Amino acid sequence: MYAIINIKDKQFKIVENKYIYVPYISMNVGEKILLNQVFLFFKEDKLFLGNPFLDNISVKIEILQHIKGNKIIIFKKKRRKGYRVKNGFRPLFSKIKIISFLEKKK
């Protein structure tokens, strides 16, 4: 059983009781969130596709921690001008755990 969901305009394939790193979610650690932007849901040899999202399926997640990723270096240079600038940043990520898939009965 897995699903493809939308978190911060990025798509992730999720499996129940697994951990993934997603772009920073501005909620406190330990909070549980219900996500309802599910593109695809696969369960017991049945595939459900949304148009664009599925209405009757949502995903319950828990935020475990907020971390910084590896440093990304931005280097700018103009040749023969003596212009060189080195900059960088560390992107923020949130580690989340997928608790369960919730299906609403019609």
PDB file of N, CA and C in Angstrom:
ATOM      1  N   MET A   1       0.855  -1.171   0.000  1.00  0.00           N
ATOM      2  CA  MET A   1       0.000   0.000   0.000  1.00  0.00           C
ATOM      3  C   MET A   1       0.899   1.232   0.000  1.00  0.00           C
ATOM      4  N   TYR A   2       0.707   2.091  -0.994  1.00  0.00           N
ATOM      5  CA  TYR A   2       1.468   3.328  -1.067  1.00  0.00           C
ATOM      6  C   TYR A   2       0.612   4.413  -1.704  1.00  0.00           C
ATOM      7  N   ALA A   3       1.116   5.649  -1.633  1.00  0.00           N
ATOM      8  CA  ALA A   3       0.408   6.783  -2.219  1.00  0.00           C
ATOM      9  C   ALA A   3       1.431   7.783  -2.736  1.00  0.00           C
ATOM     10  N   ILE A   4       0.998   8.606  -3.664  1.00  0.00           N
ATOM     11  CA  ILE A   4       1.800   9.737  -4.128  1.00  0.00           C
ATOM     12  C   ILE A   4       1.043  10.989  -3.730  1.00  0.00           C
ATOM     13  N   ILE A   5       1.713  11.825  -2.915  1.00  0.00           N
ATOM     14  CA  ILE A   5       1.049  13.007  -2.372  1.00  0.00           C
ATOM     15  C   ILE A   5       1.820  14.270  -2.728  1.00  0.00           C
ATOM     16  N   ASN A   6       1.166  15.397  -2.523  1.00  0.00           N
ATOM     17  CA  ASN A   6       1.730  16.710  -2.793  1.00  0.00           C
ATOM     18  C   ASN A   6       2.038  17.389  -1.456  1.00  0.00           C
ATOM     19  N   ILE A   7       3.310  17.722  -1.233  1.00  0.00           N
ATOM     20  CA  ILE A   7       3.726  18.494  -0.059  1.00  0.00           C
ATOM     21  C   ILE A   7       4.573  19.654  -0.560  1.00  0.00           C
ATOM     22  N   LYS A   8       4.103  20.872  -0.335  1.00  0.00           N
ATOM     23  CA  LYS A   8       4.820  22.086  -0.762  1.00  0.00           C
ATOM     24  C   LYS A   8       5.168  22.035  -2.256  1.00  0.00           C
ATOM     25  N   ASP A   9       4.204  21.664  -3.079  1.00  0.00           N
ATOM     26  CA  ASP A   9       4.336  21.601  -4.538  1.00  0.00           C
ATOM     27  C   ASP A   9       5.412  20.635  -5.020  1.00  0.00           C
ATOM     28  N   LYS A  10       5.727  19.631  -4.231  1.00  0.00           N
ATOM     29  CA  LYS A  10       6.610  18.556  -4.636  1.00  0.00           C
ATOM     30  C   LYS A  10       5.883  17.233  -4.390  1.00  0.00           C
ATOM     31  N   GLN A  11       6.151  16.256  -5.241  1.00  0.00           N
ATOM     32  CA  GLN A  11       5.454  14.975  -5.140  1.00  0.00           C
ATOM     33  C   GLN A  11       6.361  13.947  -4.463  1.00  0.00           C
ATOM     34  N   PHE A  12       5.763  13.190  -3.537  1.00  0.00           N
ATOM     35  CA  PHE A  12       6.501  12.185  -2.797  1.00  0.00           C
ATOM     36  C   PHE A  12       5.721  10.874  -2.809  1.00  0.00           C
ATOM     37  N   LYS A  13       6.461   9.775  -2.971  1.00  0.00           N
ATOM     38  CA  LYS A  13       5.864   8.451  -2.839  1.00  0.00           C
ATOM     39  C   LYS A  13       6.027   8.046  -1.380  1.00  0.00           C
ATOM     40  N   ILE A  14       4.909   7.734  -0.723  1.00  0.00           N
ATOM     41  CA  ILE A  14       4.960   7.426   0.698  1.00  0.00           C
ATOM     42  C   ILE A  14       4.398   6.034   0.962  1.00  0.00           C
ATOM     43  N   VAL A  15       4.947   5.413   1.997  1.00  0.00           N
ATOM     44  CA  VAL A  15       4.522   4.097   2.452  1.00  0.00           C
ATOM     45  C   VAL A  15       4.255   4.219   3.942  1.00  0.00           C
ATOM     46  N   GLU A  16       3.259   3.498   4.421  1.00  0.00           N
ATOM     47  CA  GLU A  16       2.873   3.582   5.825  1.00  0.00           C
ATOM     48  C   GLU A  16       4.016   3.147   6.746  1.00  0.00           C
ATOM     49  N   ASN A  17       4.159   3.864   7.880  1.00  0.00           N
ATOM     50  CA  ASN A  17       5.175   3.608   8.910  1.00  0.00           C
ATOM     51  C   ASN A  17       6.608   3.789   8.415  1.00  0.00           C
ATOM     52  N   LYS A  18       6.824   4.671   7.445  1.00  0.00           N
ATOM     53  CA  LYS A  18       8.164   5.001   6.964  1.00  0.00           C
ATOM     54  C   LYS A  18       8.437   6.474   7.223  1.00  0.00           C
ATOM     55  N   TYR A  19       9.726   6.843   7.140  1.00  0.00           N
ATOM     56  CA  TYR A  19      10.148   8.219   7.349  1.00  0.00           C
ATOM     57  C   TYR A  19      10.616   8.810   6.025  1.00  0.00           C
ATOM     58  N   ILE A  20      10.315  10.096   5.792  1.00  0.00           N
ATOM     59  CA  ILE A  20      10.847  10.790   4.619  1.00  0.00           C
ATOM     60  C   ILE A  20      11.215  12.209   5.023  1.00  0.00           C
ATOM     61  N   TYR A  21      12.094  12.809   4.232  1.00  0.00           N
ATOM     62  CA  TYR A  21      12.486  14.202   4.429  1.00  0.00           C
ATOM     63  C   TYR A  21      11.785  15.038   3.369  1.00  0.00           C
ATOM     64  N   VAL A  22      11.103  16.080   3.800  1.00  0.00           N
ATOM     65  CA  VAL A  22      10.353  16.957   2.903  1.00  0.00           C
ATOM     66  C   VAL A  22      10.800  18.390   3.144  1.00  0.00           C
ATOM     67  N   PRO A  23      10.494  19.308   2.230  1.00  0.00           N
ATOM     68  CA  PRO A  23      10.811  20.711   2.498  1.00  0.00           C
ATOM     69  C   PRO A  23      10.169  21.179   3.802  1.00  0.00           C
ATOM     70  N   TYR A  24      10.793  22.150   4.432  1.00  0.00           N
ATOM     71  CA  TYR A  24      10.431  22.602   5.774  1.00  0.00           C
ATOM     72  C   TYR A  24       8.926  22.892   5.912  1.00  0.00           C
ATOM     73  N   ILE A  25       8.307  22.271   6.895  1.00  0.00           N
ATOM     74  CA  ILE A  25       6.899  22.511   7.233  1.00  0.00           C
ATOM     75  C   ILE A  25       6.886  23.313   8.525  1.00  0.00           C
ATOM     76  N   SER A  26       6.268  24.472   8.511  1.00  0.00           N
ATOM     77  CA  SER A  26       6.331  25.387   9.658  1.00  0.00           C
ATOM     78  C   SER A  26       5.305  25.023  10.729  1.00  0.00           C
ATOM     79  N   MET A  27       5.474  23.848  11.300  1.00  0.00           N
ATOM     80  CA  MET A  27       4.667  23.380  12.432  1.00  0.00           C
ATOM     81  C   MET A  27       5.641  22.885  13.492  1.00  0.00           C
ATOM     82  N   ASN A  28       5.145  22.744  14.718  1.00  0.00           N
ATOM     83  CA  ASN A  28       6.001  22.287  15.805  1.00  0.00           C
ATOM     84  C   ASN A  28       6.277  20.793  15.704  1.00  0.00           C
ATOM     85  N   VAL A  29       7.401  20.394  16.285  1.00  0.00           N
ATOM     86  CA  VAL A  29       7.771  18.983  16.322  1.00  0.00           C
ATOM     87  C   VAL A  29       6.762  18.230  17.193  1.00  0.00           C
ATOM     88  N   GLY A  30       6.318  17.085  16.709  1.00  0.00           N
ATOM     89  CA  GLY A  30       5.359  16.278  17.444  1.00  0.00           C
ATOM     90  C   GLY A  30       3.919  16.473  17.008  1.00  0.00           C
ATOM     91  N   GLU A  31       3.654  17.492  16.212  1.00  0.00           N
ATOM     92  CA  GLU A  31       2.282  17.730  15.747  1.00  0.00           C
ATOM     93  C   GLU A  31       1.900  16.714  14.681  1.00  0.00           C
ATOM     94  N   LYS A  32       0.637  16.370  14.670  1.00  0.00           N
ATOM     95  CA  LYS A  32       0.098  15.465  13.658  1.00  0.00           C
ATOM     96  C   LYS A  32      -0.734  16.284  12.676  1.00  0.00           C
ATOM     97  N   ILE A  33      -0.553  16.016  11.396  1.00  0.00           N
ATOM     98  CA  ILE A  33      -1.200  16.789  10.331  1.00  0.00           C
ATOM     99  C   ILE A  33      -1.950  15.829   9.426  1.00  0.00           C
ATOM    100  N   LEU A  34      -3.059  16.289   8.887  1.00  0.00           N
ATOM    101  CA  LEU A  34      -3.830  15.520   7.927  1.00  0.00           C
ATOM    102  C   LEU A  34      -3.641  16.152   6.549  1.00  0.00           C
ATOM    103  N   LEU A  35      -3.073  15.410   5.611  1.00  0.00           N
ATOM    104  CA  LEU A  35      -2.850  15.894   4.252  1.00  0.00           C
ATOM    105  C   LEU A  35      -3.891  15.285   3.333  1.00  0.00           C
ATOM    106  N   ASN A  36      -4.520  16.118   2.508  1.00  0.00           N
ATOM    107  CA  ASN A  36      -5.575  15.603   1.638  1.00  0.00           C
ATOM    108  C   ASN A  36      -5.286  15.790   0.154  1.00  0.00           C
ATOM    109  N   GLN A  37      -4.062  16.153  -0.205  1.00  0.00           N
ATOM    110  CA  GLN A  37      -3.711  16.289  -1.615  1.00  0.00           C
ATOM    111  C   GLN A  37      -3.024  15.009  -2.085  1.00  0.00           C
ATOM    112  N   VAL A  38      -3.825  13.989  -2.351  1.00  0.00           N
ATOM    113  CA  VAL A  38      -3.326  12.683  -2.763  1.00  0.00           C
ATOM    114  C   VAL A  38      -3.596  12.520  -4.256  1.00  0.00           C
ATOM    115  N   PHE A  39      -2.522  12.308  -5.031  1.00  0.00           N
ATOM    116  CA  PHE A  39      -2.654  12.118  -6.471  1.00  0.00           C
ATOM    117  C   PHE A  39      -3.028  10.684  -6.821  1.00  0.00           C
ATOM    118  N   LEU A  40      -2.387   9.730  -6.148  1.00  0.00           N
ATOM    119  CA  LEU A  40      -2.521   8.328  -6.512  1.00  0.00           C
ATOM    120  C   LEU A  40      -2.517   7.497  -5.239  1.00  0.00           C
ATOM    121  N   PHE A  41      -3.316   6.448  -5.219  1.00  0.00           N
ATOM    122  CA  PHE A  41      -3.368   5.549  -4.069  1.00  0.00           C
ATOM    123  C   PHE A  41      -3.439   4.120  -4.577  1.00  0.00           C
ATOM    124  N   PHE A  42      -2.566   3.257  -4.063  1.00  0.00           N
ATOM    125  CA  PHE A  42      -2.501   1.862  -4.490  1.00  0.00           C
ATOM    126  C   PHE A  42      -2.686   0.971  -3.276  1.00  0.00           C
ATOM    127  N   LYS A  43      -3.692   0.086  -3.342  1.00  0.00           N
ATOM    128  CA  LYS A  43      -3.994  -0.808  -2.223  1.00  0.00           C
ATOM    129  C   LYS A  43      -4.557  -2.117  -2.763  1.00  0.00           C
ATOM    130  N   GLU A  44      -3.935  -3.224  -2.374  1.00  0.00           N
ATOM    131  CA  GLU A  44      -4.412  -4.559  -2.704  1.00  0.00           C
ATOM    132  C   GLU A  44      -4.735  -4.721  -4.196  1.00  0.00           C
ATOM    133  N   ASP A  45      -3.788  -4.423  -5.044  1.00  0.00           N
ATOM    134  CA  ASP A  45      -3.916  -4.560  -6.496  1.00  0.00           C
ATOM    135  C   ASP A  45      -4.981  -3.658  -7.114  1.00  0.00           C
ATOM    136  N   LYS A  46      -5.373  -2.607  -6.412  1.00  0.00           N
ATOM    137  CA  LYS A  46      -6.297  -1.617  -6.977  1.00  0.00           C
ATOM    138  C   LYS A  46      -5.596  -0.267  -6.983  1.00  0.00           C
ATOM    139  N   LEU A  47      -5.726   0.404  -8.109  1.00  0.00           N
ATOM    140  CA  LEU A  47      -5.087   1.698  -8.286  1.00  0.00           C
ATOM    141  C   LEU A  47      -6.160   2.769  -8.403  1.00  0.00           C
ATOM    142  N   PHE A  48      -6.055   3.822  -7.586  1.00  0.00           N
ATOM    143  CA  PHE A  48      -6.996   4.936  -7.632  1.00  0.00           C
ATOM    144  C   PHE A  48      -6.235   6.173  -8.065  1.00  0.00           C
ATOM    145  N   LEU A  49      -6.716   6.830  -9.125  1.00  0.00           N
ATOM    146  CA  LEU A  49      -6.110   8.048  -9.633  1.00  0.00           C
ATOM    147  C   LEU A  49      -7.038   9.225  -9.398  1.00  0.00           C
ATOM    148  N   GLY A  50      -6.463  10.356  -9.017  1.00  0.00           N
ATOM    149  CA  GLY A  50      -7.258  11.556  -8.805  1.00  0.00           C
ATOM    150  C   GLY A  50      -7.267  12.437 -10.034  1.00  0.00           C
ATOM    151  N   ASN A  51      -8.154  13.413 -10.015  1.00  0.00           N
ATOM    152  CA  ASN A  51      -8.238  14.348 -11.131  1.00  0.00           C
ATOM    153  C   ASN A  51      -8.435  15.765 -10.614  1.00  0.00           C
ATOM    154  N   PRO A  52      -7.460  16.489 -10.101  1.00  0.00           N
ATOM    155  CA  PRO A  52      -6.084  16.064  -9.862  1.00  0.00           C
ATOM    156  C   PRO A  52      -5.888  15.337  -8.522  1.00  0.00           C
ATOM    157  N   PHE A  53      -6.807  15.513  -7.557  1.00  0.00           N
ATOM    158  CA  PHE A  53      -6.640  14.874  -6.246  1.00  0.00           C
ATOM    159  C   PHE A  53      -7.787  13.908  -5.975  1.00  0.00           C
ATOM    160  N   LEU A  54      -7.533  12.957  -5.097  1.00  0.00           N
ATOM    161  CA  LEU A  54      -8.569  12.036  -4.644  1.00  0.00           C
ATOM    162  C   LEU A  54      -9.333  12.681  -3.491  1.00  0.00           C
ATOM    163  N   ASP A  55     -10.662  12.609  -3.545  1.00  0.00           N
ATOM    164  CA  ASP A  55     -11.489  13.261  -2.532  1.00  0.00           C
ATOM    165  C   ASP A  55     -11.635  12.440  -1.258  1.00  0.00           C
ATOM    166  N   ASN A  56     -11.628  11.129  -1.373  1.00  0.00           N
ATOM    167  CA  ASN A  56     -11.982  10.293  -0.228  1.00  0.00           C
ATOM    168  C   ASN A  56     -10.781   9.689   0.504  1.00  0.00           C
ATOM    169  N   ILE A  57      -9.560  10.112   0.177  1.00  0.00           N
ATOM    170  CA  ILE A  57      -8.364   9.568   0.830  1.00  0.00           C
ATOM    171  C   ILE A  57      -7.508  10.707   1.348  1.00  0.00           C
ATOM    172  N   SER A  58      -7.062  10.565   2.592  1.00  0.00           N
ATOM    173  CA  SER A  58      -6.135  11.528   3.183  1.00  0.00           C
ATOM    174  C   SER A  58      -5.054  10.767   3.940  1.00  0.00           C
ATOM    175  N   VAL A  59      -3.991  11.481   4.293  1.00  0.00           N
ATOM    176  CA  VAL A  59      -2.833  10.861   4.919  1.00  0.00           C
ATOM    177  C   VAL A  59      -2.544  11.582   6.232  1.00  0.00           C
ATOM    178  N   LYS A  60      -2.337  10.805   7.292  1.00  0.00           N
ATOM    179  CA  LYS A  60      -2.002  11.375   8.596  1.00  0.00           C
ATOM    180  C   LYS A  60      -0.501  11.234   8.807  1.00  0.00           C
ATOM    181  N   ILE A  61       0.173  12.380   9.077  1.00  0.00           N
ATOM    182  CA  ILE A  61       1.621  12.372   9.284  1.00  0.00           C
ATOM    183  C   ILE A  61       1.954  13.015  10.618  1.00  0.00           C
ATOM    184  N   GLU A  62       3.165  12.743  11.084  1.00  0.00           N
ATOM    185  CA  GLU A  62       3.669  13.364  12.308  1.00  0.00           C
ATOM    186  C   GLU A  62       5.033  13.958  12.002  1.00  0.00           C
ATOM    187  N   ILE A  63       5.274  15.196  12.472  1.00  0.00           N
ATOM    188  CA  ILE A  63       6.562  15.844  12.277  1.00  0.00           C
ATOM    189  C   ILE A  63       7.505  15.388  13.386  1.00  0.00           C
ATOM    190  N   LEU A  64       8.645  14.818  12.999  1.00  0.00           N
ATOM    191  CA  LEU A  64       9.586  14.282  13.973  1.00  0.00           C
ATOM    192  C   LEU A  64      10.703  15.264  14.324  1.00  0.00           C
ATOM    193  N   GLN A  65      11.261  15.931  13.313  1.00  0.00           N
ATOM    194  CA  GLN A  65      12.316  16.910  13.593  1.00  0.00           C
ATOM    195  C   GLN A  65      12.521  17.825  12.400  1.00  0.00           C
ATOM    196  N   HIS A  66      13.181  18.955  12.661  1.00  0.00           N
ATOM    197  CA  HIS A  66      13.563  19.908  11.618  1.00  0.00           C
ATOM    198  C   HIS A  66      15.088  19.900  11.544  1.00  0.00           C
ATOM    199  N   ILE A  67      15.629  19.769  10.343  1.00  0.00           N
ATOM    200  CA  ILE A  67      17.075  19.714  10.177  1.00  0.00           C
ATOM    201  C   ILE A  67      17.504  20.581   9.000  1.00  0.00           C
ATOM    202  N   LYS A  68      18.823  20.820   8.924  1.00  0.00           N
ATOM    203  CA  LYS A  68      19.403  21.518   7.791  1.00  0.00           C
ATOM    204  C   LYS A  68      20.087  20.506   6.895  1.00  0.00           C
ATOM    205  N   GLY A  69      20.000  20.718   5.597  1.00  0.00           N
ATOM    206  CA  GLY A  69      20.623  19.817   4.627  1.00  0.00           C
ATOM    207  C   GLY A  69      22.084  20.181   4.404  1.00  0.00           C
ATOM    208  N   ASN A  70      22.693  19.558   3.420  1.00  0.00           N
ATOM    209  CA  ASN A  70      24.075  19.860   3.057  1.00  0.00           C
ATOM    210  C   ASN A  70      24.160  21.246   2.439  1.00  0.00           C
ATOM    211  N   LYS A  71      25.325  21.869   2.558  1.00  0.00           N
ATOM    212  CA  LYS A  71      25.504  23.217   2.037  1.00  0.00           C
ATOM    213  C   LYS A  71      25.507  23.215   0.510  1.00  0.00           C
ATOM    214  N   ILE A  72      24.764  24.153  -0.052  1.00  0.00           N
ATOM    215  CA  ILE A  72      24.728  24.356  -1.498  1.00  0.00           C
ATOM    216  C   ILE A  72      25.514  25.621  -1.780  1.00  0.00           C
ATOM    217  N   ILE A  73      26.522  25.504  -2.638  1.00  0.00           N
ATOM    218  CA  ILE A  73      27.408  26.634  -2.919  1.00  0.00           C
ATOM    219  C   ILE A  73      26.988  27.307  -4.208  1.00  0.00           C
ATOM    220  N   ILE A  74      26.895  28.645  -4.148  1.00  0.00           N
ATOM    221  CA  ILE A  74      26.585  29.458  -5.320  1.00  0.00           C
ATOM    222  C   ILE A  74      27.834  30.278  -5.634  1.00  0.00           C
ATOM    223  N   PHE A  75      28.397  30.076  -6.807  1.00  0.00           N
ATOM    224  CA  PHE A  75      29.622  30.765  -7.199  1.00  0.00           C
ATOM    225  C   PHE A  75      29.354  31.546  -8.465  1.00  0.00           C
ATOM    226  N   LYS A  76      29.600  32.861  -8.410  1.00  0.00           N
ATOM    227  CA  LYS A  76      29.391  33.725  -9.572  1.00  0.00           C
ATOM    228  C   LYS A  76      30.732  34.292 -10.005  1.00  0.00           C
ATOM    229  N   LYS A  77      30.935  34.352 -11.321  1.00  0.00           N
ATOM    230  CA  LYS A  77      32.202  34.858 -11.840  1.00  0.00           C
ATOM    231  C   LYS A  77      31.981  35.503 -13.197  1.00  0.00           C
ATOM    232  N   LYS A  78      32.658  36.612 -13.427  1.00  0.00           N
ATOM    233  CA  LYS A  78      32.692  37.229 -14.748  1.00  0.00           C
ATOM    234  C   LYS A  78      34.149  37.217 -15.203  1.00  0.00           C
ATOM    235  N   ARG A  79      34.381  36.563 -16.311  1.00  0.00           N
ATOM    236  CA  ARG A  79      35.766  36.395 -16.738  1.00  0.00           C
ATOM    237  C   ARG A  79      36.393  37.725 -17.165  1.00  0.00           C
ATOM    238  N   ARG A  80      37.667  37.824 -16.912  1.00  0.00           N
ATOM    239  CA  ARG A  80      38.505  38.991 -17.251  1.00  0.00           C
ATOM    240  C   ARG A  80      38.081  40.270 -16.541  1.00  0.00           C
ATOM    241  N   LYS A  81      37.236  40.221 -15.558  1.00  0.00           N
ATOM    242  CA  LYS A  81      36.790  41.430 -14.851  1.00  0.00           C
ATOM    243  C   LYS A  81      37.233  41.427 -13.383  1.00  0.00           C
ATOM    244  N   GLY A  82      37.699  40.298 -12.906  1.00  0.00           N
ATOM    245  CA  GLY A  82      38.110  40.210 -11.504  1.00  0.00           C
ATOM    246  C   GLY A  82      36.926  40.085 -10.550  1.00  0.00           C
ATOM    247  N   TYR A  83      35.767  39.725 -11.066  1.00  0.00           N
ATOM    248  CA  TYR A  83      34.554  39.618 -10.246  1.00  0.00           C
ATOM    249  C   TYR A  83      34.313  38.162  -9.890  1.00  0.00           C
ATOM    250  N   ARG A  84      34.420  37.856  -8.596  1.00  0.00           N
ATOM    251  CA  ARG A  84      34.128  36.510  -8.107  1.00  0.00           C
ATOM    252  C   ARG A  84      33.399  36.640  -6.774  1.00  0.00           C
ATOM    253  N   VAL A  85      32.273  35.957  -6.650  1.00  0.00           N
ATOM    254  CA  VAL A  85      31.501  35.955  -5.406  1.00  0.00           C
ATOM    255  C   VAL A  85      31.154  34.508  -5.072  1.00  0.00           C
ATOM    256  N   LYS A  86      31.473  34.117  -3.846  1.00  0.00           N
ATOM    257  CA  LYS A  86      31.124  32.773  -3.385  1.00  0.00           C
ATOM    258  C   LYS A  86      30.126  32.915  -2.256  1.00  0.00           C
ATOM    259  N   ASN A  87      28.981  32.292  -2.425  1.00  0.00           N
ATOM    260  CA  ASN A  87      27.906  32.332  -1.443  1.00  0.00           C
ATOM    261  C   ASN A  87      27.391  30.919  -1.248  1.00  0.00           C
ATOM    262  N   GLY A  88      26.563  30.726  -0.240  1.00  0.00           N
ATOM    263  CA  GLY A  88      25.983  29.419  -0.036  1.00  0.00           C
ATOM    264  C   GLY A  88      24.906  29.450   1.026  1.00  0.00           C
ATOM    265  N   PHE A  89      24.176  28.354   1.128  1.00  0.00           N
ATOM    266  CA  PHE A  89      23.139  28.239   2.143  1.00  0.00           C
ATOM    267  C   PHE A  89      22.881  26.770   2.414  1.00  0.00           C
ATOM    268  N   ARG A  90      22.239  26.497   3.538  1.00  0.00           N
ATOM    269  CA  ARG A  90      21.835  25.136   3.896  1.00  0.00           C
ATOM    270  C   ARG A  90      20.318  25.101   3.938  1.00  0.00           C
ATOM    271  N   PRO A  91      19.690  24.341   3.041  1.00  0.00           N
ATOM    272  CA  PRO A  91      18.224  24.294   3.014  1.00  0.00           C
ATOM    273  C   PRO A  91      17.654  23.579   4.243  1.00  0.00           C
ATOM    274  N   LEU A  92      16.449  23.968   4.627  1.00  0.00           N
ATOM    275  CA  LEU A  92      15.775  23.365   5.775  1.00  0.00           C
ATOM    276  C   LEU A  92      14.861  22.229   5.311  1.00  0.00           C
ATOM    277  N   PHE A  93      14.860  21.142   6.074  1.00  0.00           N
ATOM    278  CA  PHE A  93      14.007  19.995   5.800  1.00  0.00           C
ATOM    279  C   PHE A  93      13.271  19.605   7.070  1.00  0.00           C
ATOM    280  N   SER A  94      12.166  18.913   6.899  1.00  0.00           N
ATOM    281  CA  SER A  94      11.436  18.334   8.022  1.00  0.00           C
ATOM    282  C   SER A  94      11.401  16.818   7.830  1.00  0.00           C
ATOM    283  N   LYS A  95      11.701  16.097   8.904  1.00  0.00           N
ATOM    284  CA  LYS A  95      11.605  14.642   8.872  1.00  0.00           C
ATOM    285  C   LYS A  95      10.218  14.282   9.367  1.00  0.00           C
ATOM    286  N   ILE A  96       9.456  13.556   8.524  1.00  0.00           N
ATOM    287  CA  ILE A  96       8.090  13.203   8.908  1.00  0.00           C
ATOM    288  C   ILE A  96       7.920  11.687   8.884  1.00  0.00           C
ATOM    289  N   LYS A  97       6.964  11.225   9.659  1.00  0.00           N
ATOM    290  CA  LYS A  97       6.600   9.803   9.677  1.00  0.00           C
ATOM    291  C   LYS A  97       5.176   9.691   9.179  1.00  0.00           C
ATOM    292  N   ILE A  98       4.939   8.753   8.268  1.00  0.00           N
ATOM    293  CA  ILE A  98       3.595   8.513   7.762  1.00  0.00           C
ATOM    294  C   ILE A  98       2.918   7.549   8.727  1.00  0.00           C
ATOM    295  N   ILE A  99       1.863   8.024   9.377  1.00  0.00           N
ATOM    296  CA  ILE A  99       1.169   7.215  10.383  1.00  0.00           C
ATOM    297  C   ILE A  99       0.163   6.291   9.738  1.00  0.00           C
ATOM    298  N   SER A 100      -0.750   6.855   8.935  1.00  0.00           N
ATOM    299  CA  SER A 100      -1.777   6.001   8.330  1.00  0.00           C
ATOM    300  C   SER A 100      -2.435   6.690   7.148  1.00  0.00           C
ATOM    301  N   PHE A 101      -3.092   5.862   6.337  1.00  0.00           N
ATOM    302  CA  PHE A 101      -3.932   6.346   5.257  1.00  0.00           C
ATOM    303  C   PHE A 101      -5.372   6.265   5.728  1.00  0.00           C
ATOM    304  N   LEU A 102      -6.118   7.345   5.544  1.00  0.00           N
ATOM    305  CA  LEU A 102      -7.509   7.374   5.994  1.00  0.00           C
ATOM    306  C   LEU A 102      -8.417   7.400   4.770  1.00  0.00           C
ATOM    307  N   GLU A 103      -9.359   6.476   4.736  1.00  0.00           N
ATOM    308  CA  GLU A 103     -10.304   6.402   3.628  1.00  0.00           C
ATOM    309  C   GLU A 103     -11.693   6.760   4.145  1.00  0.00           C
ATOM    310  N   LYS A 104     -12.343   7.702   3.468  1.00  0.00           N
ATOM    311  CA  LYS A 104     -13.714   8.073   3.814  1.00  0.00           C
ATOM    312  C   LYS A 104     -14.669   7.192   3.020  1.00  0.00           C
ATOM    313  N   LYS A 105     -15.639   6.672   3.682  1.00  0.00           N
ATOM    314  CA  LYS A 105     -16.650   5.851   2.999  1.00  0.00           C
ATOM    315  C   LYS A 105     -17.662   6.741   2.314  1.00  0.00           C
ATOM    316  N   LYS A 106     -18.070   6.346   1.111  1.00  0.00           N
ATOM    317  CA  LYS A 106     -19.053   7.132   0.366  1.00  0.00           C
ATOM    318  C   LYS A 106     -20.442   6.627   0.656  1.00  0.00           C
TER     319      LYS A 106
END
